[in-house]
């Protein structure tokens, strides 16, 4: 799949704007090209100056601000264009996207779904403990509404944990396919399952109270303390996936950037280039800024 015409034009204009930055920063005399936000590219040809004397710093800073505004806009659009191109052409980039989606599913289950179920499980354990501790209500424990509800919630916890485990296995498989490490999400505790609830129905009341009290405490400790730490560790997995995508994009972009500076630019004066780029992009930038301000506009 070839690059679109829009992408090629943006690469050309980025080459010009980076060379404008280099010319302006170099004109200050106190900075060289390596101190500017550069990309280790030797531009050919360079732009001729046509800039004010080095002492006229206000004019130079004005041009530099113009360059930064154009650069941010052009590179924002280029990032979107190149990401879309890699989504359709680059197997590792595509694998990284699938990996990111799987990580998102894991996070949704662990952050949004599982805590509510575990909190409900803990509440019902407390209800069962109170039931077992009441000598007048111990009879027929296995058929008590509290116990029936606890079994139903335990089955839901079990299913959710199995689903999370399946997603984690999918993440591991995809990570292996594209050869990226550090993306596996942290392991969850092994929460009590349905068979444990059924076991509670046949143990003596004293043992049931002790066991339920212990497990309820473990659940509440996980929800109040361990859950946040687990999600914080998960962010490292997401970061590793993002690093992979960014590395692929950056390497590809730098190759295109070097080619554009070697083949797409002509000898021109800085002010002529800035005038042309401003005419092309400033209306878009102004419209976007105006749209952002519209919700806060007053009449």
Protein backbone atom coordinates (compact mmCIF):
# COMPACT_ATOMS: atom_id res chain seq x y z
CA UNK A 1 0.00 0.00 0.00
CA UNK A 2 1.56 3.26 -1.11
CA UNK A 3 1.58 6.45 0.90
CA UNK A 4 -1.27 8.80 0.09
CA UNK A 5 -0.75 12.11 -1.64
CA UNK A 6 -1.71 13.90 1.56
CA UNK A 7 0.98 12.01 3.50
CA UNK A 8 3.65 12.84 0.92
CA UNK A 9 2.70 16.53 1.01
CA UNK A 10 2.86 16.53 4.80
CA UNK A 11 6.31 14.89 4.71
CA UNK A 12 7.50 17.57 2.31
CA UNK A 13 6.11 20.37 4.46
CA UNK A 14 7.56 18.84 7.63
CA UNK A 15 10.97 18.77 5.92
CA UNK A 16 10.66 22.47 5.14
CA UNK A 17 9.49 23.44 8.63
CA UNK A 18 12.31 21.49 10.30
CA UNK A 19 14.84 23.22 8.08
CA UNK A 20 13.28 26.58 8.97
CA UNK A 21 13.73 25.74 12.64
CA UNK A 22 17.36 24.81 12.02
CA UNK A 23 18.06 28.04 10.14
CA UNK A 24 16.45 30.23 12.80
CA UNK A 25 18.03 28.50 15.78
CA UNK A 26 21.41 28.53 14.06
CA UNK A 27 21.02 32.26 13.43
CA UNK A 28 20.96 33.01 17.15
CA UNK A 29 24.63 32.03 17.27
CA UNK A 30 24.42 30.52 20.77
CA UNK A 31 22.79 27.27 19.72
CA UNK A 32 23.69 24.73 17.12
CA UNK A 33 21.55 22.23 15.34
CA UNK A 34 22.12 19.50 17.89
CA UNK A 35 20.52 21.62 20.62
CA UNK A 36 17.31 22.03 18.65
CA UNK A 37 14.68 19.28 18.66
CA UNK A 38 16.29 17.51 15.70
CA UNK A 39 16.19 14.08 14.18
CA UNK A 40 19.81 13.23 13.28
CA UNK A 41 19.20 13.99 9.62
CA UNK A 42 21.60 15.84 7.35
CA UNK A 43 19.32 18.05 5.24
CA UNK A 44 20.12 18.64 1.57
CA UNK A 45 19.81 21.30 0.38
CA UNK A 46 19.71 23.77 3.29
CA UNK A 47 17.48 26.82 3.23
CA UNK A 48 19.07 30.18 2.59
CA UNK A 49 18.57 32.63 5.44
CA UNK A 50 17.11 35.94 4.36
CA UNK A 51 16.67 36.51 8.09
CA UNK A 52 17.09 39.74 10.10
CA UNK A 53 20.42 40.50 11.79
CA UNK A 54 21.32 38.28 14.73
CA UNK A 55 20.64 41.14 17.14
CA UNK A 56 17.00 41.44 16.07
CA UNK A 57 15.95 38.70 18.50
CA UNK A 58 12.30 39.70 18.68
CA UNK A 59 11.87 39.04 14.96
CA UNK A 60 13.69 35.74 15.25
CA UNK A 61 11.60 34.61 18.23
CA UNK A 62 8.46 35.54 16.32
CA UNK A 63 9.53 33.33 13.42
CA UNK A 64 10.48 30.53 15.80
CA UNK A 65 7.03 30.66 17.41
CA UNK A 66 5.50 30.49 13.93
CA UNK A 67 7.67 27.46 13.13
CA UNK A 68 6.66 25.69 16.35
CA UNK A 69 2.97 26.29 15.66
CA UNK A 70 3.25 24.89 12.13
CA UNK A 71 5.47 22.02 13.23
CA UNK A 72 3.01 20.88 15.91
CA UNK A 73 0.12 20.95 13.47
CA UNK A 74 1.91 19.19 10.62
CA UNK A 75 3.39 16.51 12.85
CA UNK A 76 0.06 15.87 14.51
CA UNK A 77 -1.52 15.20 11.13
CA UNK A 78 1.48 13.17 9.98
CA UNK A 79 1.32 10.96 13.05
CA UNK A 80 -2.29 10.10 12.28
CA UNK A 81 -1.56 9.49 8.58
CA UNK A 82 1.47 7.27 9.22
CA UNK A 83 -0.29 5.34 11.99
CA UNK A 84 -3.17 4.61 9.63
CA UNK A 85 -0.70 3.49 6.95
CA UNK A 86 1.12 1.14 9.35
CA UNK A 87 -2.20 -0.29 10.54
CA UNK A 88 -2.76 -1.55 7.00
CA UNK A 89 0.76 -2.62 6.08
CA UNK A 90 3.01 -3.47 9.03
CA UNK A 91 2.44 -6.91 10.69
CA UNK A 92 4.16 -6.00 13.98
CA UNK A 93 2.25 -2.72 14.21
CA UNK A 94 -0.98 -4.58 13.52
CA UNK A 95 -0.05 -7.13 16.19
CA UNK A 96 0.60 -4.31 18.63
CA UNK A 97 -2.87 -2.93 17.97
CA UNK A 98 -4.46 -6.30 18.66
CA UNK A 99 -2.33 -6.59 21.78
CA UNK A 100 -3.52 -3.16 22.93
CA UNK A 101 -7.14 -4.18 22.41
CA UNK A 102 -6.64 -7.34 24.47
CA UNK A 103 -4.99 -5.33 27.23
CA UNK A 104 -7.96 -2.97 27.16
CA UNK A 105 -10.35 -5.91 27.59
CA UNK A 106 -8.32 -7.22 30.52
CA UNK A 107 -8.32 -3.81 32.16
CA UNK A 108 -12.07 -3.34 31.69
CA UNK A 109 -12.80 -6.69 33.35
CA UNK A 110 -10.41 -6.09 36.25
CA UNK A 111 -11.14 -2.40 36.76
CA UNK A 112 -14.89 -2.20 36.08
CA UNK A 113 -16.51 -5.64 36.30
CA UNK A 114 -14.70 -7.82 38.83
CA UNK A 115 -14.62 -5.38 41.81
CA UNK A 116 -18.41 -5.07 41.93
CA UNK A 117 -18.81 -8.84 41.90
CA UNK A 118 -16.16 -9.32 44.59
CA UNK A 119 -17.77 -6.64 46.76
CA UNK A 120 -21.10 -8.41 46.41
CA UNK A 121 -19.41 -11.72 47.24
CA UNK A 122 -17.93 -10.19 50.41
CA UNK A 123 -21.33 -8.79 51.45
CA UNK A 124 -23.00 -12.17 51.03
CA UNK A 125 -20.22 -13.89 52.96
CA UNK A 126 -20.91 -11.53 55.84
CA UNK A 127 -24.60 -12.36 55.62
CA UNK A 128 -23.83 -16.09 55.66
CA UNK A 129 -21.50 -15.64 58.64
CA UNK A 130 -24.23 -13.86 60.58
CA UNK A 131 -26.69 -16.60 59.64
CA UNK A 132 -24.34 -19.37 60.79
CA UNK A 133 -23.57 -17.55 64.03
CA UNK A 134 -27.27 -17.38 64.96
CA UNK A 135 -28.18 -20.66 66.72
CA UNK A 136 -31.85 -20.17 65.84
CA UNK A 137 -31.16 -20.00 62.08
CA UNK A 138 -28.51 -22.67 61.45
CA UNK A 139 -30.90 -25.34 60.34
CA UNK A 140 -31.26 -25.88 56.59
CA UNK A 141 -28.23 -23.73 55.80
CA UNK A 142 -27.72 -25.23 52.33
CA UNK A 143 -31.22 -24.21 51.27
CA UNK A 144 -31.26 -20.79 52.93
CA UNK A 145 -31.77 -17.86 50.51
CA UNK A 146 -28.45 -16.36 51.66
CA UNK A 147 -26.60 -19.53 50.71
CA UNK A 148 -28.37 -19.86 47.34
CA UNK A 149 -27.46 -16.27 46.49
CA UNK A 150 -23.85 -16.83 47.60
CA UNK A 151 -23.56 -19.82 45.23
CA UNK A 152 -24.87 -17.70 42.36
CA UNK A 153 -22.35 -14.93 43.04
CA UNK A 154 -19.50 -17.43 43.46
CA UNK A 155 -20.33 -18.86 40.05
CA UNK A 156 -20.16 -15.33 38.61
CA UNK A 157 -16.75 -14.71 40.23
CA UNK A 158 -15.51 -18.00 38.82
CA UNK A 159 -16.67 -17.18 35.31
CA UNK A 160 -15.17 -13.70 35.39
CA UNK A 161 -11.83 -15.02 36.61
CA UNK A 162 -11.82 -17.64 33.86
CA UNK A 163 -12.59 -14.94 31.29
CA UNK A 164 -9.72 -12.79 32.58
CA UNK A 165 -7.41 -15.80 32.42
CA UNK A 166 -8.43 -16.45 28.80
CA UNK A 167 -7.68 -12.83 27.89
CA UNK A 168 -4.28 -13.05 29.63
CA UNK A 169 -3.48 -16.21 27.66
CA UNK A 170 -4.43 -14.43 24.44
CA UNK A 171 -2.15 -11.53 25.38
CA UNK A 172 0.74 -13.95 26.01
CA UNK A 173 0.18 -15.63 22.64
CA UNK A 174 0.05 -12.36 20.72
CA UNK A 175 3.12 -11.01 22.52
CA UNK A 176 5.05 -14.12 21.54
CA UNK A 177 3.96 -13.79 17.90
CA UNK A 178 5.38 -10.29 17.55
CA UNK A 179 8.33 -10.83 19.88
CA UNK A 180 7.62 -8.20 22.52
CA UNK A 181 8.25 -8.65 26.24
CA UNK A 182 7.00 -6.98 29.38
CA UNK A 183 3.35 -6.81 28.33
CA UNK A 184 1.85 -9.65 30.36
CA UNK A 185 -0.67 -8.29 32.88
CA UNK A 186 -0.17 -9.13 36.57
CA UNK A 187 -1.69 -12.29 37.98
CA UNK A 188 -4.88 -12.07 39.99
CA UNK A 189 -5.31 -13.84 43.34
CA UNK A 190 -7.04 -17.20 43.16
CA UNK A 191 -10.48 -16.25 44.47
CA UNK A 192 -12.69 -18.89 46.08
CA UNK A 193 -14.91 -20.72 43.63
CA UNK A 194 -18.24 -22.50 43.62
CA UNK A 195 -16.83 -25.77 44.99
CA UNK A 196 -15.63 -23.88 48.07
CA UNK A 197 -19.14 -22.52 48.69
CA UNK A 198 -20.57 -26.04 48.42
CA UNK A 199 -17.97 -27.21 50.95
CA UNK A 200 -19.21 -24.57 53.38
CA UNK A 201 -22.61 -26.26 53.45
CA UNK A 202 -21.21 -29.43 55.07
CA UNK A 203 -18.68 -28.08 57.59
CA UNK A 204 -19.54 -27.40 61.25
CA UNK A 205 -20.93 -23.96 61.99
CA UNK A 206 -17.85 -22.89 63.95
CA UNK A 207 -15.53 -23.81 61.11
CA UNK A 208 -17.83 -22.10 58.60
CA UNK A 209 -17.78 -18.85 60.59
CA UNK A 210 -14.00 -18.95 60.88
CA UNK A 211 -13.47 -19.73 57.20
CA UNK A 212 -15.97 -17.18 55.93
CA UNK A 213 -14.51 -14.48 58.19
CA UNK A 214 -11.03 -15.15 56.82
CA UNK A 215 -12.07 -15.12 53.16
CA UNK A 216 -14.25 -12.03 53.58
CA UNK A 217 -11.24 -10.24 55.08
CA UNK A 218 -9.04 -11.30 52.16
CA UNK A 219 -11.59 -10.02 49.65
CA UNK A 220 -11.93 -6.65 51.35
CA UNK A 221 -8.17 -6.31 51.64
CA UNK A 222 -7.82 -6.98 47.92
CA UNK A 223 -10.49 -4.41 47.05
CA UNK A 224 -9.18 -1.74 49.43
CA UNK A 225 -5.43 -2.17 48.92
CA UNK A 226 -4.21 -4.75 46.42
CA UNK A 227 -6.55 -3.82 43.57
CA UNK A 228 -5.04 -0.35 43.07
CA UNK A 229 -1.50 -1.77 43.18
CA UNK A 230 -2.43 -4.44 40.64
CA UNK A 231 -3.78 -1.81 38.24
CA UNK A 232 -0.65 0.29 38.73
CA UNK A 233 1.47 -2.71 37.73
CA UNK A 234 -0.82 -3.23 34.75
CA UNK A 235 0.08 0.24 33.48
CA UNK A 236 3.62 -1.04 32.90
CA UNK A 237 2.17 -3.68 30.57
CA UNK A 238 0.24 -1.04 28.67
CA UNK A 239 3.36 1.12 28.55
CA UNK A 240 5.40 -1.71 27.04
CA UNK A 241 2.79 -2.14 24.31
CA UNK A 242 2.75 1.60 23.64
CA UNK A 243 6.55 1.65 23.47
CA UNK A 244 6.47 -1.02 20.77
CA UNK A 245 4.00 0.97 18.67
CA UNK A 246 5.93 4.19 19.15
CA UNK A 247 9.24 2.56 18.21
CA UNK A 248 7.84 1.15 14.97
CA UNK A 249 6.24 4.48 14.08
CA UNK A 250 9.36 6.51 14.94
CA UNK A 251 11.74 4.29 12.96
CA UNK A 252 9.49 4.37 9.92
CA UNK A 253 8.89 8.11 10.23
CA UNK A 254 12.61 8.87 10.53
CA UNK A 255 13.35 6.96 7.33
CA UNK A 256 10.67 8.92 5.49
CA UNK A 257 11.87 12.15 7.08
CA UNK A 258 15.42 11.61 5.83
CA UNK A 259 14.17 10.81 2.34
CA UNK A 260 11.92 13.88 2.30
CA UNK A 261 14.71 16.24 3.29
CA UNK A 262 16.94 14.77 0.59
CA UNK A 263 14.39 14.72 -2.23
CA UNK A 264 11.39 16.96 -1.52
CA UNK A 265 12.91 20.35 -0.65
CA UNK A 266 14.34 23.07 -2.88
CA UNK A 267 16.58 26.05 -2.14
CA UNK A 268 14.30 28.79 -0.79
CA UNK A 269 14.39 31.61 1.73
CA UNK A 270 13.04 30.94 5.19
CA UNK A 271 10.44 33.72 5.06
CA UNK A 272 9.17 32.48 1.71
CA UNK A 273 8.77 28.97 3.10
CA UNK A 274 7.03 30.19 6.26
CA UNK A 275 4.69 32.34 4.21
CA UNK A 276 3.74 29.42 1.99
CA UNK A 277 3.23 27.01 4.91
CA UNK A 278 1.23 29.56 6.87
CA UNK A 279 -1.07 30.19 3.92
CA UNK A 280 -1.67 26.46 3.65
CA UNK A 281 -2.16 25.54 7.31
CA UNK A 282 -3.07 28.59 9.37
CA UNK A 283 -6.73 28.57 8.24
CA UNK A 284 -7.01 24.94 9.42
CA UNK A 285 -5.29 25.72 12.70
CA UNK A 286 -7.52 28.75 13.28
CA UNK A 287 -10.69 26.75 12.55
CA UNK A 288 -9.64 24.02 14.97
CA UNK A 289 -8.85 26.53 17.70
CA UNK A 290 -12.17 28.29 17.13
CA UNK A 291 -14.02 24.98 17.32
CA UNK A 292 -12.33 24.21 20.62
CA UNK A 293 -13.47 27.53 22.05
CA UNK A 294 -17.08 27.30 20.84
CA UNK A 295 -18.52 25.54 23.95
CA UNK A 296 -17.19 28.42 26.06
CA UNK A 297 -18.25 31.23 23.74
CA UNK A 298 -20.67 33.81 25.11
CA UNK A 299 -23.21 35.86 23.20
